[in-house]
N, C-alpha and C. Protein backbone atom coordinates (compact mmCIF):
# COMPACT_ATOMS: atom_id res chain seq x y z
N MET A 1 0.84 -1.18 0.00
CA MET A 1 0.00 0.00 0.00
C MET A 1 0.89 1.25 0.00
N LYS A 2 0.53 2.20 -0.83
CA LYS A 2 1.28 3.44 -0.92
C LYS A 2 0.83 4.40 0.19
N LYS A 3 1.73 5.30 0.58
CA LYS A 3 1.39 6.30 1.59
C LYS A 3 0.22 7.16 1.14
N SER A 4 0.12 7.40 -0.14
CA SER A 4 -0.95 8.25 -0.67
C SER A 4 -2.33 7.63 -0.49
N ASP A 5 -2.37 6.30 -0.30
CA ASP A 5 -3.66 5.63 -0.08
C ASP A 5 -4.29 6.03 1.25
N ARG A 6 -3.51 6.65 2.12
CA ARG A 6 -4.01 7.08 3.42
C ARG A 6 -4.87 8.34 3.32
N TYR A 7 -4.89 8.98 2.15
CA TYR A 7 -5.58 10.27 2.01
C TYR A 7 -6.72 10.19 1.01
N ILE A 8 -7.85 10.72 1.41
CA ILE A 8 -9.02 10.73 0.55
C ILE A 8 -8.79 11.72 -0.59
N LYS A 9 -9.23 11.32 -1.76
CA LYS A 9 -9.10 12.17 -2.96
C LYS A 9 -10.49 12.39 -3.52
N ILE A 10 -10.85 13.65 -3.73
CA ILE A 10 -12.20 13.99 -4.17
C ILE A 10 -12.12 14.74 -5.49
N VAL A 11 -12.91 14.30 -6.46
CA VAL A 11 -13.05 15.02 -7.73
C VAL A 11 -14.52 15.38 -7.87
N GLU A 12 -14.79 16.67 -8.02
CA GLU A 12 -16.16 17.16 -8.13
C GLU A 12 -16.28 18.04 -9.36
N SER A 13 -17.47 18.04 -9.94
CA SER A 13 -17.71 18.99 -11.03
C SER A 13 -18.10 20.32 -10.41
N SER A 14 -17.65 21.40 -11.03
CA SER A 14 -17.95 22.74 -10.54
C SER A 14 -18.67 23.51 -11.63
N ASP A 15 -19.94 23.80 -11.39
CA ASP A 15 -20.68 24.61 -12.36
C ASP A 15 -20.12 26.02 -12.43
N GLU A 16 -19.69 26.53 -11.27
CA GLU A 16 -19.15 27.88 -11.21
C GLU A 16 -17.88 28.02 -12.05
N ASP A 17 -17.00 27.01 -11.96
CA ASP A 17 -15.73 27.06 -12.70
C ASP A 17 -15.80 26.35 -14.04
N ASN A 18 -16.90 25.65 -14.29
CA ASN A 18 -17.10 24.93 -15.54
C ASN A 18 -15.98 23.92 -15.81
N CYS A 19 -15.63 23.16 -14.76
CA CYS A 19 -14.59 22.14 -14.90
C CYS A 19 -14.70 21.18 -13.72
N TYR A 20 -13.82 20.19 -13.70
CA TYR A 20 -13.70 19.28 -12.57
C TYR A 20 -12.59 19.79 -11.67
N ILE A 21 -12.81 19.67 -10.37
CA ILE A 21 -11.81 20.10 -9.40
C ILE A 21 -11.47 18.92 -8.51
N GLY A 22 -10.18 18.65 -8.36
CA GLY A 22 -9.71 17.57 -7.52
C GLY A 22 -8.97 18.12 -6.32
N ARG A 23 -9.25 17.54 -5.15
CA ARG A 23 -8.56 18.00 -3.94
C ARG A 23 -8.36 16.83 -2.98
N ALA A 24 -7.44 17.02 -2.06
CA ALA A 24 -7.14 16.03 -1.02
C ALA A 24 -7.17 16.76 0.32
N PRO A 25 -8.37 16.95 0.89
CA PRO A 25 -8.47 17.70 2.14
C PRO A 25 -7.67 17.05 3.25
N GLY A 26 -7.05 17.89 4.05
CA GLY A 26 -6.25 17.40 5.16
C GLY A 26 -4.80 17.18 4.82
N LEU A 27 -4.49 17.08 3.54
CA LEU A 27 -3.11 16.85 3.12
C LEU A 27 -2.51 18.08 2.45
N MET A 28 -3.26 18.67 1.55
CA MET A 28 -2.71 19.76 0.73
C MET A 28 -3.70 20.90 0.59
N LEU A 29 -3.17 22.07 0.37
CA LEU A 29 -3.99 23.24 0.09
C LEU A 29 -4.25 23.28 -1.41
N GLY A 30 -5.34 23.88 -1.79
CA GLY A 30 -5.65 24.02 -3.20
C GLY A 30 -6.03 22.70 -3.83
N GLY A 31 -5.89 22.64 -5.13
CA GLY A 31 -6.26 21.43 -5.84
C GLY A 31 -5.84 21.50 -7.29
N VAL A 32 -6.38 20.60 -8.07
CA VAL A 32 -6.11 20.55 -9.51
C VAL A 32 -7.44 20.67 -10.23
N HIS A 33 -7.39 21.03 -11.49
CA HIS A 33 -8.64 21.17 -12.23
C HIS A 33 -8.41 20.84 -13.71
N GLY A 34 -9.52 20.55 -14.39
CA GLY A 34 -9.46 20.24 -15.81
C GLY A 34 -10.82 19.85 -16.34
N ASP A 35 -10.88 19.57 -17.64
CA ASP A 35 -12.14 19.26 -18.31
C ASP A 35 -12.50 17.78 -18.29
N ASP A 36 -11.54 16.90 -18.00
CA ASP A 36 -11.76 15.46 -18.04
C ASP A 36 -11.64 14.90 -16.62
N GLU A 37 -12.72 14.30 -16.13
CA GLU A 37 -12.77 13.81 -14.76
C GLU A 37 -11.66 12.81 -14.45
N ALA A 38 -11.46 11.83 -15.31
CA ALA A 38 -10.44 10.80 -15.07
C ALA A 38 -9.04 11.40 -15.09
N LYS A 39 -8.79 12.34 -15.98
CA LYS A 39 -7.47 12.98 -16.04
C LYS A 39 -7.22 13.83 -14.79
N VAL A 40 -8.27 14.49 -14.30
CA VAL A 40 -8.13 15.28 -13.08
C VAL A 40 -7.80 14.36 -11.91
N TYR A 41 -8.46 13.21 -11.83
CA TYR A 41 -8.17 12.27 -10.75
C TYR A 41 -6.73 11.77 -10.84
N LYS A 42 -6.27 11.43 -12.02
CA LYS A 42 -4.89 10.98 -12.21
C LYS A 42 -3.91 12.07 -11.81
N GLN A 43 -4.18 13.30 -12.23
CA GLN A 43 -3.32 14.42 -11.87
C GLN A 43 -3.33 14.63 -10.35
N LEU A 44 -4.50 14.50 -9.72
CA LEU A 44 -4.61 14.65 -8.28
C LEU A 44 -3.75 13.59 -7.57
N CYS A 45 -3.82 12.36 -8.03
CA CYS A 45 -3.01 11.29 -7.43
C CYS A 45 -1.52 11.61 -7.53
N ASP A 46 -1.10 12.14 -8.68
CA ASP A 46 0.31 12.52 -8.85
C ASP A 46 0.69 13.65 -7.90
N VAL A 47 -0.18 14.65 -7.76
CA VAL A 47 0.09 15.79 -6.90
C VAL A 47 0.14 15.36 -5.43
N VAL A 48 -0.72 14.45 -5.03
CA VAL A 48 -0.70 13.92 -3.67
C VAL A 48 0.65 13.26 -3.39
N GLU A 49 1.15 12.48 -4.33
CA GLU A 49 2.47 11.85 -4.18
C GLU A 49 3.55 12.92 -4.02
N GLU A 50 3.46 14.00 -4.80
CA GLU A 50 4.43 15.09 -4.70
C GLU A 50 4.37 15.78 -3.34
N TRP A 51 3.17 16.00 -2.81
CA TRP A 51 3.02 16.63 -1.50
C TRP A 51 3.65 15.75 -0.42
N ILE A 52 3.42 14.46 -0.49
CA ILE A 52 4.01 13.54 0.49
C ILE A 52 5.53 13.62 0.43
N GLU A 53 6.06 13.65 -0.78
CA GLU A 53 7.51 13.77 -0.96
C GLU A 53 8.03 15.09 -0.37
N LEU A 54 7.29 16.18 -0.55
CA LEU A 54 7.69 17.47 0.02
C LEU A 54 7.72 17.41 1.54
N TYR A 55 6.70 16.82 2.14
CA TYR A 55 6.68 16.67 3.60
C TYR A 55 7.92 15.91 4.06
N GLU A 56 8.19 14.80 3.40
CA GLU A 56 9.31 13.96 3.81
C GLU A 56 10.65 14.65 3.58
N ASN A 57 10.81 15.34 2.45
CA ASN A 57 12.06 16.05 2.16
C ASN A 57 12.32 17.17 3.16
N ASP A 58 11.25 17.80 3.64
CA ASP A 58 11.38 18.89 4.62
C ASP A 58 11.53 18.35 6.04
N GLY A 59 11.42 17.03 6.20
CA GLY A 59 11.53 16.43 7.53
C GLY A 59 10.28 16.60 8.38
N ASP A 60 9.17 16.97 7.75
CA ASP A 60 7.91 17.16 8.46
C ASP A 60 7.14 15.84 8.51
N SER A 61 6.41 15.63 9.60
CA SER A 61 5.58 14.44 9.65
C SER A 61 4.32 14.65 8.82
N LEU A 62 3.82 13.58 8.26
CA LEU A 62 2.63 13.66 7.42
C LEU A 62 1.40 13.96 8.28
N PRO A 63 0.43 14.68 7.71
CA PRO A 63 -0.82 14.92 8.44
C PRO A 63 -1.54 13.60 8.71
N PRO A 64 -2.45 13.60 9.67
CA PRO A 64 -3.21 12.37 9.95
C PRO A 64 -3.95 11.89 8.70
N ALA A 65 -4.08 10.58 8.58
CA ALA A 65 -4.78 9.99 7.44
C ALA A 65 -6.23 10.45 7.42
N THR A 66 -6.77 10.59 6.22
CA THR A 66 -8.18 10.97 6.06
C THR A 66 -9.00 9.84 5.46
N ALA A 67 -8.37 8.85 4.87
CA ALA A 67 -9.09 7.73 4.27
C ALA A 67 -9.16 6.57 5.25
N LYS A 68 -10.25 5.85 5.20
CA LYS A 68 -10.45 4.63 6.00
C LYS A 68 -10.30 4.89 7.50
N LYS A 69 -10.74 6.07 7.94
CA LYS A 69 -10.72 6.37 9.36
C LYS A 69 -11.76 5.52 10.07
N ASP A 70 -11.53 5.25 11.32
CA ASP A 70 -12.49 4.50 12.13
C ASP A 70 -13.39 5.52 12.83
N TYR A 71 -14.56 5.77 12.28
CA TYR A 71 -15.47 6.75 12.82
C TYR A 71 -16.39 6.15 13.86
N SER A 72 -16.73 6.96 14.84
CA SER A 72 -17.71 6.58 15.84
C SER A 72 -19.09 6.55 15.19
N VAL A 73 -20.04 5.93 15.84
CA VAL A 73 -21.40 5.91 15.30
C VAL A 73 -22.22 7.08 15.83
N LYS A 74 -21.60 7.96 16.58
CA LYS A 74 -22.33 9.05 17.22
C LYS A 74 -21.54 10.35 17.09
N PHE A 75 -22.26 11.46 16.85
CA PHE A 75 -21.63 12.77 16.95
C PHE A 75 -22.69 13.77 17.41
N ASN A 76 -22.24 14.77 18.14
CA ASN A 76 -23.14 15.80 18.66
C ASN A 76 -23.06 17.02 17.76
N LEU A 77 -24.19 17.67 17.59
CA LEU A 77 -24.26 18.83 16.71
C LEU A 77 -25.08 19.92 17.38
N ARG A 78 -24.48 21.07 17.57
CA ARG A 78 -25.20 22.20 18.16
C ARG A 78 -25.83 22.99 17.01
N VAL A 79 -27.15 23.18 17.08
CA VAL A 79 -27.86 23.84 15.98
C VAL A 79 -28.57 25.12 16.40
N GLY A 80 -28.63 25.42 17.67
CA GLY A 80 -29.35 26.60 18.14
C GLY A 80 -30.84 26.29 18.31
N LYS A 81 -31.50 27.08 19.16
CA LYS A 81 -32.90 26.82 19.50
C LYS A 81 -33.84 26.94 18.31
N GLU A 82 -33.67 27.97 17.49
CA GLU A 82 -34.59 28.18 16.36
C GLU A 82 -34.51 27.05 15.35
N LEU A 83 -33.29 26.64 15.00
CA LEU A 83 -33.15 25.55 14.04
C LEU A 83 -33.63 24.24 14.65
N HIS A 84 -33.35 24.03 15.92
CA HIS A 84 -33.82 22.81 16.60
C HIS A 84 -35.35 22.74 16.55
N GLU A 85 -35.99 23.86 16.80
CA GLU A 85 -37.46 23.91 16.73
C GLU A 85 -37.94 23.61 15.31
N GLN A 86 -37.30 24.21 14.32
CA GLN A 86 -37.70 23.99 12.92
C GLN A 86 -37.51 22.53 12.52
N ILE A 87 -36.40 21.95 12.93
CA ILE A 87 -36.15 20.53 12.63
C ILE A 87 -37.22 19.67 13.30
N GLY A 88 -37.50 19.96 14.56
CA GLY A 88 -38.53 19.21 15.29
C GLY A 88 -39.89 19.31 14.63
N ASN A 89 -40.25 20.52 14.22
CA ASN A 89 -41.55 20.72 13.56
C ASN A 89 -41.62 20.00 12.22
N THR A 90 -40.54 20.07 11.46
CA THR A 90 -40.51 19.41 10.15
C THR A 90 -40.58 17.90 10.32
N ALA A 91 -39.84 17.36 11.28
CA ALA A 91 -39.88 15.92 11.55
C ALA A 91 -41.27 15.49 11.97
N LEU A 92 -41.90 16.28 12.84
CA LEU A 92 -43.26 15.98 13.29
C LEU A 92 -44.23 15.98 12.12
N TRP A 93 -44.10 16.98 11.24
CA TRP A 93 -44.96 17.08 10.06
C TRP A 93 -44.80 15.86 9.16
N LYS A 94 -43.57 15.33 9.10
CA LYS A 94 -43.30 14.15 8.26
C LYS A 94 -43.60 12.85 8.99
N GLY A 95 -43.99 12.95 10.27
CA GLY A 95 -44.30 11.75 11.03
C GLY A 95 -43.06 10.98 11.44
N GLN A 96 -41.96 11.68 11.65
CA GLN A 96 -40.69 11.04 12.01
C GLN A 96 -40.16 11.61 13.31
N SER A 97 -39.26 10.88 13.93
CA SER A 97 -38.52 11.42 15.07
C SER A 97 -37.47 12.39 14.51
N ILE A 98 -36.98 13.26 15.36
CA ILE A 98 -35.90 14.17 14.94
C ILE A 98 -34.71 13.36 14.48
N HIS A 99 -34.38 12.30 15.21
CA HIS A 99 -33.23 11.45 14.85
C HIS A 99 -33.39 10.89 13.43
N LYS A 100 -34.52 10.25 13.16
CA LYS A 100 -34.74 9.64 11.84
C LYS A 100 -34.72 10.70 10.75
N PHE A 101 -35.38 11.83 11.00
CA PHE A 101 -35.41 12.91 10.01
C PHE A 101 -33.99 13.37 9.69
N CYS A 102 -33.16 13.61 10.72
CA CYS A 102 -31.80 14.10 10.49
C CYS A 102 -30.93 13.06 9.79
N VAL A 103 -31.03 11.79 10.21
CA VAL A 103 -30.23 10.74 9.58
C VAL A 103 -30.63 10.59 8.11
N ASP A 104 -31.92 10.58 7.82
CA ASP A 104 -32.38 10.47 6.42
C ASP A 104 -31.90 11.65 5.59
N PHE A 105 -31.95 12.85 6.17
CA PHE A 105 -31.51 14.05 5.46
C PHE A 105 -30.01 13.98 5.16
N ILE A 106 -29.23 13.59 6.16
CA ILE A 106 -27.78 13.49 5.96
C ILE A 106 -27.45 12.42 4.92
N LYS A 107 -28.13 11.28 4.97
CA LYS A 107 -27.90 10.24 3.97
C LYS A 107 -28.19 10.76 2.57
N LYS A 108 -29.30 11.47 2.43
CA LYS A 108 -29.67 12.01 1.12
C LYS A 108 -28.63 13.00 0.62
N GLU A 109 -28.20 13.90 1.49
CA GLU A 109 -27.26 14.95 1.08
C GLU A 109 -25.86 14.42 0.80
N THR A 110 -25.48 13.31 1.44
CA THR A 110 -24.16 12.74 1.20
C THR A 110 -24.16 11.66 0.14
N GLY A 111 -25.34 11.29 -0.34
CA GLY A 111 -25.41 10.27 -1.38
C GLY A 111 -25.40 8.86 -0.84
N LEU A 112 -25.58 8.69 0.45
CA LEU A 112 -25.60 7.34 1.04
C LEU A 112 -27.03 6.86 1.14
N SER A 113 -27.26 5.63 0.72
CA SER A 113 -28.61 5.09 0.82
C SER A 113 -28.76 4.14 2.00
N TYR A 114 -27.65 3.65 2.52
CA TYR A 114 -27.69 2.78 3.69
C TYR A 114 -26.33 2.80 4.37
N PRO A 115 -26.25 2.48 5.66
CA PRO A 115 -24.96 2.51 6.37
C PRO A 115 -23.94 1.61 5.70
N GLY A 116 -22.71 2.10 5.61
CA GLY A 116 -21.62 1.33 5.05
C GLY A 116 -21.36 1.60 3.58
N GLN A 117 -22.32 2.17 2.85
CA GLN A 117 -22.11 2.47 1.45
C GLN A 117 -21.27 3.73 1.36
N GLN A 118 -20.30 3.75 0.46
CA GLN A 118 -19.44 4.92 0.32
C GLN A 118 -19.51 5.43 -1.10
N ARG A 119 -19.33 6.74 -1.23
CA ARG A 119 -19.26 7.34 -2.56
C ARG A 119 -17.95 6.95 -3.22
N SER A 120 -17.94 6.98 -4.52
CA SER A 120 -16.68 6.70 -5.21
C SER A 120 -15.79 7.92 -5.14
N ALA A 121 -14.56 7.77 -5.55
CA ALA A 121 -13.64 8.90 -5.55
C ALA A 121 -14.12 9.98 -6.51
N PHE A 122 -14.80 9.58 -7.57
CA PHE A 122 -15.34 10.54 -8.51
C PHE A 122 -16.69 10.99 -8.01
N ARG A 123 -16.78 12.22 -7.57
CA ARG A 123 -18.02 12.73 -7.00
C ARG A 123 -18.53 13.85 -7.88
N HIS A 124 -19.80 13.81 -8.20
CA HIS A 124 -20.39 14.85 -9.06
C HIS A 124 -21.22 15.80 -8.25
């Protein structure tokens, strides 16, 4: 396994920039861009390797891994009273608990349809 496999690589289409943008959050600032999704991903992989080499040449330790992290099944989120009330009212209107409403919403927004499913590296 290569050191670069420790870092998540994301390629997204950008309507604003009219191109694909590739980035590796947690490892490097900025990103790469281009018109071809697969080429942007390949370029991103090359740039990630270069960043790792720069860290090592400078004698710096690599940032914590972002891929294949062991996540807890629980996280707390502070939303404020007004938003909490709105979420509660919306969940009630839909006949759901706040928990179910929020989990379903997060799954929809992240593209997950069930626990354990992951998006591909190519994200649109």
